[in-house]
């Protein structure tokens, strides 16, 4: 075949293959097809450019994917989950039996108020626990995922809050049941206390703890900053 087209060892050919191609029906059909494509393109309106975002997916989709990944990471870390649940259960039982069935006397009321204070102090170790996986996930994001534009910083932060809140609220529920009636509080006030201890308090220390961790360079510095800031809250 190379000898026929003039590309063999002799590199000579007696046939003008370009002229043969131009006179062939295949060349005529190809020219007609090209002309048809050109005519069809001219008949269509001009393509309008669309404004694309910095990321390939929407913010809601990014948040969903990152939250699902973070939830799976927590579920696959039994040490972290066990530590969170053990802290609230053990502390609730310890505080509850320390002030077991405090009466409605002056000393008993002081004991009940002190039990509330000690229970709220559990926000400090609870926040320090969640700062460890938060900073580890942040390190992965800053090194690998932010340069590759996989998802935005806001979607990552939102996913971290959404994943941590259910676990912290569940821990707060266990703390409430281990502590409230053990100390001797009345049942008619249980609903309001449940709202404060099992819903609002976890939301408070989850968001504040992650906010401090977001600006801290390491877990140790994050723990120091949160402890200092929470001490100011207690003083004020």
Foldseek 3Di string as FASTA:
>chain_A
DCVAVQNDPNSDHPDDVVVVLCPDVVNVVVVVVVVVVVVVVVVDDDDDDDDDDLAPDDLVVLLVVLLVVVLVVVVVPVVLLVVLLCLLQVLLQVLLQVLFQQDPDPVSVVSVVVSVVVLLVSLLVNLLSLLAVLLVVVVCCVPPPVVVRHHDPVSNVVSSLVNQLVSQLVSQVSNLVSHPPRNPHDPVCSVVVNCVRRHVSSSVSNVVSSVLSVPDPDSVVSSVVVVVVVVVVVVD
